[in-house]
């Protein structure tokens, strides 16, 4: 019985990790310093539905096996189809960096490839442990190649003439 509970816990833990990672992809909160680590983590997250579907083949009930397969087949296919797009080398190019007292304000030039124009994305980043950053999107604009940023205080800066005040710990004062 203990083995069965442990396997069930693994299954639930993988589902929770998958949901949290997808939410983090849509609304970035945590990122790795390394682009390679971000890509490797993305690959692992996109493979979680495949692992869950395979684990479901070992369920005792035929109904549970069928339900598990029906639930995870679409995320499996989407993960396999999206993997090359998600880990493609195009993306962010750091163009400016402002160091505030407790965090950094980093401007990235986004590049979607030959068929899209550049864009600007400005994020507040703070190292929480070496190699892992807490991030928050501050500003974004499409069809733009550069951005003007000036530090105006301990936790404030000006972006394109608009003053911005950021929280010390990104999301919390």
N, C-alpha and C. Protein backbone atom coordinates (compact mmCIF):
# COMPACT_ATOMS: atom_id res chain seq x y z
N UNK A 1 0.82 -1.20 0.00
CA UNK A 1 0.00 0.00 0.00
C UNK A 1 0.86 1.26 0.00
N UNK A 2 2.00 1.24 0.71
CA UNK A 2 2.86 2.40 0.74
C UNK A 2 3.40 2.72 -0.65
N UNK A 3 3.73 1.70 -1.43
CA UNK A 3 4.24 1.92 -2.78
C UNK A 3 3.16 2.59 -3.63
N UNK A 4 1.92 2.16 -3.50
CA UNK A 4 0.82 2.74 -4.26
C UNK A 4 0.63 4.21 -3.91
N UNK A 5 0.69 4.55 -2.62
CA UNK A 5 0.57 5.94 -2.20
C UNK A 5 1.72 6.78 -2.75
N UNK A 6 2.92 6.23 -2.75
CA UNK A 6 4.09 6.94 -3.25
C UNK A 6 3.94 7.23 -4.74
N UNK A 7 3.46 6.26 -5.51
CA UNK A 7 3.26 6.45 -6.95
C UNK A 7 2.16 7.49 -7.21
N UNK A 8 1.10 7.46 -6.41
CA UNK A 8 0.04 8.45 -6.54
C UNK A 8 0.55 9.85 -6.22
N UNK A 9 1.42 9.94 -5.21
CA UNK A 9 2.01 11.22 -4.84
C UNK A 9 2.88 11.74 -5.98
N UNK A 10 3.65 10.86 -6.61
CA UNK A 10 4.48 11.26 -7.76
C UNK A 10 3.61 11.81 -8.88
N UNK A 11 2.53 11.14 -9.16
CA UNK A 11 1.62 11.54 -10.22
C UNK A 11 1.05 12.93 -9.95
N UNK A 12 0.56 13.15 -8.73
CA UNK A 12 -0.01 14.44 -8.34
C UNK A 12 1.06 15.52 -8.37
N UNK A 13 2.27 15.21 -7.91
CA UNK A 13 3.37 16.17 -7.91
C UNK A 13 3.74 16.59 -9.34
N UNK A 14 3.75 15.65 -10.27
CA UNK A 14 4.04 15.98 -11.66
C UNK A 14 2.96 16.87 -12.27
N UNK A 15 1.71 16.59 -11.93
CA UNK A 15 0.61 17.44 -12.42
C UNK A 15 0.77 18.86 -11.87
N UNK A 16 1.06 18.98 -10.57
CA UNK A 16 1.24 20.30 -9.95
C UNK A 16 2.41 21.04 -10.59
N UNK A 17 3.53 20.36 -10.80
CA UNK A 17 4.69 20.98 -11.43
C UNK A 17 4.35 21.45 -12.84
N UNK A 18 3.62 20.66 -13.58
CA UNK A 18 3.22 21.01 -14.94
C UNK A 18 2.35 22.27 -14.95
N UNK A 19 1.36 22.32 -14.09
CA UNK A 19 0.46 23.48 -14.03
C UNK A 19 1.22 24.74 -13.62
N UNK A 20 2.07 24.63 -12.61
CA UNK A 20 2.86 25.78 -12.16
C UNK A 20 3.80 26.26 -13.25
N UNK A 21 4.45 25.34 -13.95
CA UNK A 21 5.40 25.72 -15.01
C UNK A 21 4.69 26.37 -16.19
N UNK A 22 3.51 25.88 -16.56
CA UNK A 22 2.76 26.50 -17.65
C UNK A 22 2.31 27.90 -17.25
N UNK A 23 1.85 28.06 -16.02
CA UNK A 23 1.48 29.39 -15.52
C UNK A 23 2.69 30.32 -15.55
N UNK A 24 3.87 29.81 -15.14
CA UNK A 24 5.09 30.61 -15.13
C UNK A 24 5.53 30.99 -16.55
N UNK A 25 5.23 30.14 -17.51
CA UNK A 25 5.56 30.48 -18.89
C UNK A 25 4.66 31.61 -19.39
N UNK A 26 3.38 31.56 -19.06
CA UNK A 26 2.44 32.58 -19.51
C UNK A 26 2.63 33.90 -18.77
N UNK A 27 2.88 33.84 -17.46
CA UNK A 27 3.09 35.02 -16.62
C UNK A 27 4.41 34.83 -15.88
N UNK A 28 5.53 35.23 -16.50
CA UNK A 28 6.85 34.92 -15.93
C UNK A 28 7.03 35.45 -14.51
N UNK A 29 7.49 34.58 -13.64
CA UNK A 29 7.80 34.93 -12.27
C UNK A 29 9.23 34.48 -11.95
N UNK A 30 9.59 33.29 -12.37
CA UNK A 30 10.92 32.74 -12.09
C UNK A 30 11.60 32.36 -13.40
N UNK A 31 12.87 32.72 -13.51
CA UNK A 31 13.69 32.38 -14.68
C UNK A 31 15.08 31.99 -14.21
N UNK A 32 15.75 31.19 -15.02
CA UNK A 32 17.15 30.86 -14.78
C UNK A 32 18.03 31.93 -15.41
N UNK A 33 19.24 32.12 -14.87
CA UNK A 33 20.21 33.04 -15.48
C UNK A 33 20.62 32.56 -16.86
N UNK A 34 20.75 31.26 -17.00
CA UNK A 34 21.26 30.67 -18.23
C UNK A 34 20.13 30.38 -19.22
N UNK A 35 20.35 30.77 -20.45
CA UNK A 35 19.39 30.48 -21.51
C UNK A 35 19.28 28.96 -21.73
N UNK A 36 20.41 28.27 -21.60
CA UNK A 36 20.42 26.81 -21.75
C UNK A 36 19.56 26.14 -20.68
N UNK A 37 19.70 26.57 -19.43
CA UNK A 37 18.88 25.99 -18.36
C UNK A 37 17.39 26.26 -18.58
N UNK A 38 17.05 27.45 -19.06
CA UNK A 38 15.65 27.75 -19.38
C UNK A 38 15.14 26.80 -20.45
N UNK A 39 15.95 26.52 -21.47
CA UNK A 39 15.54 25.61 -22.54
C UNK A 39 15.40 24.17 -22.04
N UNK A 40 16.35 23.72 -21.22
CA UNK A 40 16.29 22.36 -20.68
C UNK A 40 15.06 22.20 -19.79
N UNK A 41 14.79 23.19 -18.95
CA UNK A 41 13.61 23.13 -18.09
C UNK A 41 12.33 23.10 -18.93
N UNK A 42 12.30 23.88 -20.00
CA UNK A 42 11.13 23.88 -20.90
C UNK A 42 10.92 22.51 -21.52
N UNK A 43 12.00 21.86 -21.94
CA UNK A 43 11.88 20.52 -22.51
C UNK A 43 11.30 19.55 -21.49
N UNK A 44 11.82 19.59 -20.26
CA UNK A 44 11.30 18.70 -19.21
C UNK A 44 9.82 18.96 -18.95
N UNK A 45 9.43 20.22 -18.89
CA UNK A 45 8.02 20.54 -18.64
C UNK A 45 7.13 20.03 -19.77
N UNK A 46 7.59 20.21 -21.01
CA UNK A 46 6.78 19.76 -22.14
C UNK A 46 6.70 18.24 -22.24
N UNK A 47 7.63 17.53 -21.58
CA UNK A 47 7.59 16.07 -21.58
C UNK A 47 6.79 15.48 -20.42
N UNK A 48 6.40 16.31 -19.46
CA UNK A 48 5.63 15.82 -18.30
C UNK A 48 4.33 15.12 -18.73
N UNK A 49 3.53 15.65 -19.66
CA UNK A 49 2.32 14.92 -20.05
C UNK A 49 2.61 13.53 -20.62
N UNK A 50 3.73 13.39 -21.33
CA UNK A 50 4.10 12.07 -21.86
C UNK A 50 4.41 11.11 -20.72
N UNK A 51 5.13 11.60 -19.72
CA UNK A 51 5.44 10.76 -18.55
C UNK A 51 4.16 10.38 -17.82
N UNK A 52 3.25 11.32 -17.67
CA UNK A 52 1.98 11.04 -16.98
C UNK A 52 1.14 10.04 -17.77
N UNK A 53 1.16 10.14 -19.08
CA UNK A 53 0.39 9.19 -19.89
C UNK A 53 1.00 7.79 -19.77
N UNK A 54 2.32 7.70 -19.78
CA UNK A 54 2.99 6.39 -19.63
C UNK A 54 2.72 5.81 -18.25
N UNK A 55 2.78 6.65 -17.20
CA UNK A 55 2.48 6.17 -15.85
C UNK A 55 1.04 5.65 -15.76
N UNK A 56 0.15 6.26 -16.52
CA UNK A 56 -1.25 5.84 -16.51
C UNK A 56 -1.48 4.45 -17.08
N UNK A 57 -0.56 3.98 -17.92
CA UNK A 57 -0.70 2.63 -18.47
C UNK A 57 -0.55 1.56 -17.38
N UNK A 58 0.00 1.93 -16.24
CA UNK A 58 0.20 0.98 -15.13
C UNK A 58 -0.92 1.06 -14.10
N UNK A 59 -1.96 1.86 -14.36
CA UNK A 59 -3.12 1.88 -13.48
C UNK A 59 -3.80 0.52 -13.54
N UNK A 60 -4.47 0.15 -12.45
CA UNK A 60 -5.14 -1.16 -12.41
C UNK A 60 -6.44 -1.16 -13.20
N UNK A 61 -7.20 -0.10 -13.12
CA UNK A 61 -8.51 -0.04 -13.76
C UNK A 61 -8.39 0.34 -15.24
N UNK A 62 -9.13 -0.36 -16.07
CA UNK A 62 -9.15 -0.06 -17.51
C UNK A 62 -9.75 1.32 -17.76
N UNK A 63 -10.79 1.67 -16.99
CA UNK A 63 -11.43 2.98 -17.13
C UNK A 63 -10.42 4.09 -16.80
N UNK A 64 -9.64 3.90 -15.73
CA UNK A 64 -8.63 4.89 -15.36
C UNK A 64 -7.57 5.02 -16.44
N UNK A 65 -7.17 3.90 -17.03
CA UNK A 65 -6.19 3.94 -18.12
C UNK A 65 -6.72 4.74 -19.32
N UNK A 66 -7.96 4.48 -19.69
CA UNK A 66 -8.56 5.17 -20.84
C UNK A 66 -8.73 6.66 -20.55
N UNK A 67 -9.24 6.99 -19.35
CA UNK A 67 -9.40 8.40 -18.98
C UNK A 67 -8.06 9.13 -18.96
N UNK A 68 -7.06 8.49 -18.37
CA UNK A 68 -5.73 9.09 -18.31
C UNK A 68 -5.19 9.37 -19.72
N UNK A 69 -5.37 8.42 -20.62
CA UNK A 69 -4.90 8.59 -22.00
C UNK A 69 -5.65 9.73 -22.67
N UNK A 70 -6.97 9.79 -22.50
CA UNK A 70 -7.76 10.86 -23.12
C UNK A 70 -7.38 12.24 -22.57
N UNK A 71 -7.07 12.31 -21.29
CA UNK A 71 -6.70 13.59 -20.68
C UNK A 71 -5.35 14.07 -21.18
N UNK A 72 -4.38 13.18 -21.30
CA UNK A 72 -3.00 13.60 -21.58
C UNK A 72 -2.56 13.50 -23.04
N UNK A 73 -3.38 12.95 -23.92
CA UNK A 73 -2.94 12.80 -25.31
C UNK A 73 -2.78 14.17 -26.00
N UNK A 74 -3.69 15.10 -25.78
CA UNK A 74 -3.58 16.42 -26.42
C UNK A 74 -2.39 17.21 -25.86
N UNK A 75 -2.19 17.29 -24.52
CA UNK A 75 -0.98 17.97 -24.05
C UNK A 75 0.32 17.31 -24.55
N UNK A 76 0.31 15.98 -24.73
CA UNK A 76 1.50 15.29 -25.28
C UNK A 76 1.79 15.76 -26.69
N UNK A 77 0.76 15.77 -27.51
CA UNK A 77 0.93 16.18 -28.91
C UNK A 77 1.34 17.65 -28.98
N UNK A 78 0.68 18.51 -28.20
CA UNK A 78 1.04 19.93 -28.18
C UNK A 78 2.49 20.14 -27.72
N UNK A 79 2.89 19.41 -26.69
CA UNK A 79 4.26 19.53 -26.20
C UNK A 79 5.29 19.15 -27.25
N UNK A 80 5.03 18.07 -27.96
CA UNK A 80 5.96 17.63 -29.00
C UNK A 80 5.98 18.62 -30.16
N UNK A 81 4.82 19.16 -30.54
CA UNK A 81 4.77 20.12 -31.63
C UNK A 81 5.38 21.48 -31.25
N UNK A 82 5.20 21.90 -30.00
CA UNK A 82 5.69 23.21 -29.57
C UNK A 82 7.15 23.21 -29.15
N UNK A 83 7.72 22.04 -28.90
CA UNK A 83 9.09 21.98 -28.40
C UNK A 83 10.10 22.72 -29.28
N UNK A 84 10.11 22.52 -30.60
CA UNK A 84 11.09 23.26 -31.41
C UNK A 84 10.90 24.78 -31.36
N UNK A 85 9.66 25.22 -31.25
CA UNK A 85 9.39 26.66 -31.19
C UNK A 85 9.83 27.23 -29.84
N UNK A 86 9.57 26.49 -28.76
CA UNK A 86 9.85 26.99 -27.42
C UNK A 86 11.35 27.09 -27.13
N UNK A 87 12.14 26.22 -27.72
CA UNK A 87 13.57 26.23 -27.41
C UNK A 87 14.41 26.80 -28.55
N UNK A 88 13.76 27.43 -29.53
CA UNK A 88 14.49 28.02 -30.66
C UNK A 88 15.43 29.11 -30.15
N UNK A 89 16.56 29.30 -30.82
CA UNK A 89 17.56 30.26 -30.34
C UNK A 89 17.15 31.72 -30.51
N UNK A 90 16.05 32.00 -31.23
CA UNK A 90 15.62 33.39 -31.36
C UNK A 90 14.93 33.80 -30.07
N UNK A 91 14.89 35.09 -29.81
CA UNK A 91 14.20 35.51 -28.60
C UNK A 91 14.70 36.81 -28.05
N UNK A 92 15.29 36.75 -26.87
CA UNK A 92 15.68 37.95 -26.15
C UNK A 92 17.15 38.30 -26.38
N UNK A 93 17.39 39.59 -26.61
CA UNK A 93 18.74 40.12 -26.67
C UNK A 93 18.79 41.28 -25.68
N UNK A 94 19.63 41.17 -24.66
CA UNK A 94 19.71 42.22 -23.65
C UNK A 94 20.34 43.46 -24.27
N UNK A 95 19.67 44.62 -24.15
CA UNK A 95 20.21 45.84 -24.74
C UNK A 95 20.55 46.91 -23.70
N UNK A 96 19.87 46.91 -22.55
CA UNK A 96 20.18 47.89 -21.50
C UNK A 96 19.95 47.26 -20.14
N UNK A 97 20.67 47.80 -19.15
CA UNK A 97 20.56 47.29 -17.79
C UNK A 97 20.73 48.46 -16.82
N UNK A 98 19.78 48.65 -15.93
CA UNK A 98 19.89 49.63 -14.85
C UNK A 98 19.97 48.89 -13.54
N UNK A 99 20.97 49.19 -12.72
CA UNK A 99 21.08 48.56 -11.41
C UNK A 99 20.45 49.47 -10.37
N UNK A 100 19.37 49.01 -9.77
CA UNK A 100 18.75 49.72 -8.66
C UNK A 100 19.29 49.13 -7.37
N UNK A 101 18.83 49.62 -6.23
CA UNK A 101 19.37 49.15 -4.95
C UNK A 101 19.18 47.66 -4.72
N UNK A 102 18.00 47.14 -5.02
CA UNK A 102 17.71 45.74 -4.68
C UNK A 102 17.47 44.85 -5.89
N UNK A 103 17.42 45.41 -7.07
CA UNK A 103 17.14 44.61 -8.26
C UNK A 103 17.70 45.31 -9.49
N UNK A 104 17.55 44.66 -10.62
CA UNK A 104 17.99 45.23 -11.89
C UNK A 104 16.78 45.43 -12.79
N UNK A 105 16.84 46.47 -13.59
CA UNK A 105 15.84 46.70 -14.63
C UNK A 105 16.55 46.40 -15.94
N UNK A 106 16.06 45.40 -16.66
CA UNK A 106 16.74 44.93 -17.86
C UNK A 106 15.81 45.10 -19.06
N UNK A 107 16.35 45.73 -20.11
CA UNK A 107 15.60 45.89 -21.35
C UNK A 107 16.09 44.86 -22.35
N UNK A 108 15.15 44.15 -22.95
CA UNK A 108 15.45 43.13 -23.95
C UNK A 108 14.84 43.53 -25.29
N UNK A 109 15.55 43.24 -26.35
CA UNK A 109 14.99 43.37 -27.69
C UNK A 109 14.48 42.00 -28.07
N UNK A 110 13.21 41.91 -28.38
CA UNK A 110 12.63 40.63 -28.77
C UNK A 110 12.72 40.49 -30.28
N UNK A 111 12.95 39.27 -30.72
CA UNK A 111 13.10 39.00 -32.14
C UNK A 111 12.39 37.70 -32.44
N UNK A 112 11.32 37.78 -33.19
CA UNK A 112 10.56 36.58 -33.53
C UNK A 112 11.01 35.92 -34.81
N UNK A 113 12.07 36.41 -35.41
CA UNK A 113 12.56 35.81 -36.65
C UNK A 113 12.33 36.72 -37.84
N UNK A 114 12.49 36.17 -39.02
CA UNK A 114 12.47 36.95 -40.25
C UNK A 114 11.11 37.57 -40.57
N UNK A 115 10.04 36.96 -40.11
CA UNK A 115 8.72 37.45 -40.50
C UNK A 115 8.11 38.44 -39.51
N UNK A 116 8.83 38.78 -38.44
CA UNK A 116 8.29 39.70 -37.44
C UNK A 116 9.26 40.85 -37.22
N UNK A 117 8.75 41.94 -36.65
CA UNK A 117 9.61 43.07 -36.34
C UNK A 117 10.09 42.94 -34.89
N UNK A 118 11.07 43.78 -34.55
CA UNK A 118 11.60 43.78 -33.20
C UNK A 118 10.56 44.34 -32.23
N UNK A 119 10.76 44.06 -30.97
CA UNK A 119 9.94 44.62 -29.92
C UNK A 119 10.82 44.86 -28.71
N UNK A 120 10.29 45.56 -27.73
CA UNK A 120 11.03 45.85 -26.50
C UNK A 120 10.26 45.25 -25.33
N UNK A 121 11.00 44.63 -24.42
CA UNK A 121 10.43 44.08 -23.20
C UNK A 121 11.34 44.50 -22.05
N UNK A 122 10.79 45.19 -21.06
CA UNK A 122 11.57 45.64 -19.90
C UNK A 122 11.07 44.86 -18.69
N UNK A 123 12.02 44.24 -17.97
CA UNK A 123 11.67 43.42 -16.82
C UNK A 123 12.49 43.82 -15.60
N UNK A 124 11.87 43.69 -14.44
CA UNK A 124 12.60 43.83 -13.19
C UNK A 124 13.07 42.44 -12.80
N UNK A 125 14.35 42.31 -12.47
CA UNK A 125 14.92 41.01 -12.12
C UNK A 125 15.67 41.11 -10.80
N UNK A 126 15.51 40.08 -9.98
CA UNK A 126 16.23 40.03 -8.70
C UNK A 126 16.69 38.60 -8.47
N UNK A 127 17.97 38.43 -8.16
CA UNK A 127 18.50 37.10 -7.85
C UNK A 127 17.95 36.65 -6.51
N UNK A 128 17.30 35.48 -6.49
CA UNK A 128 16.81 34.95 -5.22
C UNK A 128 17.78 33.92 -4.66
N UNK A 129 18.34 33.11 -5.53
CA UNK A 129 19.48 32.25 -5.20
C UNK A 129 20.36 32.25 -6.45
N UNK A 130 21.64 31.93 -6.31
CA UNK A 130 22.51 31.98 -7.49
C UNK A 130 21.95 31.15 -8.64
N UNK A 131 21.79 31.80 -9.78
CA UNK A 131 21.30 31.12 -10.97
C UNK A 131 19.81 31.23 -11.22
N UNK A 132 19.05 31.67 -10.22
CA UNK A 132 17.59 31.78 -10.36
C UNK A 132 17.16 33.20 -10.02
N UNK A 133 16.34 33.76 -10.91
CA UNK A 133 15.88 35.14 -10.75
C UNK A 133 14.37 35.20 -10.60
N UNK A 134 13.94 36.14 -9.80
CA UNK A 134 12.53 36.51 -9.70
C UNK A 134 12.34 37.63 -10.71
N UNK A 135 11.37 37.52 -11.61
CA UNK A 135 11.21 38.50 -12.68
C UNK A 135 9.78 39.03 -12.72
N UNK A 136 9.65 40.26 -13.21
CA UNK A 136 8.33 40.88 -13.37
C UNK A 136 8.38 41.78 -14.60
N UNK A 137 7.40 41.64 -15.46
CA UNK A 137 7.32 42.47 -16.66
C UNK A 137 6.87 43.87 -16.27
N UNK A 138 7.60 44.88 -16.75
CA UNK A 138 7.28 46.27 -16.44
C UNK A 138 6.75 47.01 -17.66
N UNK A 139 7.33 46.74 -18.81
CA UNK A 139 6.99 47.51 -20.01
C UNK A 139 7.21 46.64 -21.23
N UNK A 140 6.36 46.78 -22.21
CA UNK A 140 6.54 46.06 -23.46
C UNK A 140 5.92 46.83 -24.61
N UNK A 141 6.60 46.83 -25.74
CA UNK A 141 6.08 47.50 -26.93
C UNK A 141 6.60 46.80 -28.17
N UNK A 142 5.70 46.54 -29.10
CA UNK A 142 6.08 45.93 -30.37
C UNK A 142 6.52 47.01 -31.36
N UNK A 143 7.18 46.57 -32.42
CA UNK A 143 7.63 47.45 -33.50
C UNK A 143 8.55 48.55 -32.99
N UNK A 144 9.48 48.18 -32.14
CA UNK A 144 10.42 49.15 -31.58
C UNK A 144 11.76 48.46 -31.39
N UNK A 145 12.86 49.17 -31.67
CA UNK A 145 14.18 48.56 -31.59
C UNK A 145 15.00 49.00 -30.40
N UNK A 146 14.67 50.14 -29.77
CA UNK A 146 15.46 50.64 -28.66
C UNK A 146 14.54 51.31 -27.65
N UNK A 147 15.08 51.54 -26.46
CA UNK A 147 14.30 52.15 -25.38
C UNK A 147 15.23 53.05 -24.57
N UNK A 148 14.68 54.16 -24.07
CA UNK A 148 15.45 55.08 -23.22
C UNK A 148 15.06 54.85 -21.77
N UNK A 149 16.05 54.55 -20.93
CA UNK A 149 15.81 54.33 -19.50
C UNK A 149 16.84 55.12 -18.71
N UNK A 150 16.39 55.78 -17.63
CA UNK A 150 17.27 56.56 -16.77
C UNK A 150 16.92 56.26 -15.32
N UNK A 151 17.93 55.98 -14.50
CA UNK A 151 17.71 55.77 -13.07
C UNK A 151 17.44 57.12 -12.42
N UNK A 152 16.36 57.21 -11.62
CA UNK A 152 16.02 58.48 -10.97
C UNK A 152 16.06 58.39 -9.45
N UNK A 153 16.22 57.22 -8.89
CA UNK A 153 16.26 57.07 -7.44
C UNK A 153 16.61 55.64 -7.05
N UNK A 154 16.49 55.34 -5.74
CA UNK A 154 16.81 54.00 -5.23
C UNK A 154 16.00 52.92 -5.91
N UNK A 155 14.71 53.11 -5.96
CA UNK A 155 13.79 52.13 -6.55
C UNK A 155 12.91 52.75 -7.62
N UNK A 156 13.46 53.72 -8.33
CA UNK A 156 12.68 54.37 -9.38
C UNK A 156 13.55 54.63 -10.60
N UNK A 157 12.88 54.70 -11.73
CA UNK A 157 13.56 55.00 -12.98
C UNK A 157 12.55 55.61 -13.94
N UNK A 158 13.05 56.11 -15.03
CA UNK A 158 12.20 56.71 -16.04
C UNK A 158 12.37 55.93 -17.33
N UNK A 159 11.26 55.55 -17.94
CA UNK A 159 11.31 54.81 -19.19
C UNK A 159 10.49 55.57 -20.23
N UNK A 160 11.14 55.97 -21.28
CA UNK A 160 10.50 56.75 -22.35
C UNK A 160 9.78 57.97 -21.79
N UNK A 161 10.37 58.62 -20.77
CA UNK A 161 9.79 59.83 -20.19
C UNK A 161 8.74 59.58 -19.14
N UNK A 162 8.38 58.33 -18.89
CA UNK A 162 7.36 58.00 -17.88
C UNK A 162 8.03 57.47 -16.62
N UNK A 163 7.77 58.08 -15.46
CA UNK A 163 8.38 57.60 -14.22
C UNK A 163 7.78 56.26 -13.78
N UNK A 164 8.63 55.39 -13.27
CA UNK A 164 8.21 54.08 -12.76
C UNK A 164 8.85 53.87 -11.40
N UNK A 165 8.08 53.35 -10.47
CA UNK A 165 8.60 52.97 -9.15
C UNK A 165 8.41 51.47 -9.02
N UNK A 166 9.47 50.78 -8.63
CA UNK A 166 9.40 49.33 -8.49
C UNK A 166 9.50 48.93 -7.03
N UNK A 167 8.96 47.78 -6.71
CA UNK A 167 9.01 47.27 -5.35
C UNK A 167 10.39 46.66 -5.08
N UNK A 168 10.84 46.77 -3.85
CA UNK A 168 12.17 46.28 -3.48
C UNK A 168 12.37 44.82 -3.81
N UNK A 169 11.40 44.00 -3.51
CA UNK A 169 11.52 42.56 -3.71
C UNK A 169 10.67 42.09 -4.88
N UNK A 170 10.60 42.87 -5.91
CA UNK A 170 9.89 42.61 -7.16
C UNK A 170 8.38 42.61 -6.96
N UNK A 171 7.85 41.69 -6.17
CA UNK A 171 6.40 41.62 -5.97
C UNK A 171 5.96 42.13 -4.60
N UNK A 172 6.90 42.24 -3.66
CA UNK A 172 6.57 42.62 -2.28
C UNK A 172 7.46 43.77 -1.84
N UNK A 173 6.93 44.64 -0.97
CA UNK A 173 7.74 45.72 -0.41
C UNK A 173 8.67 45.10 0.57
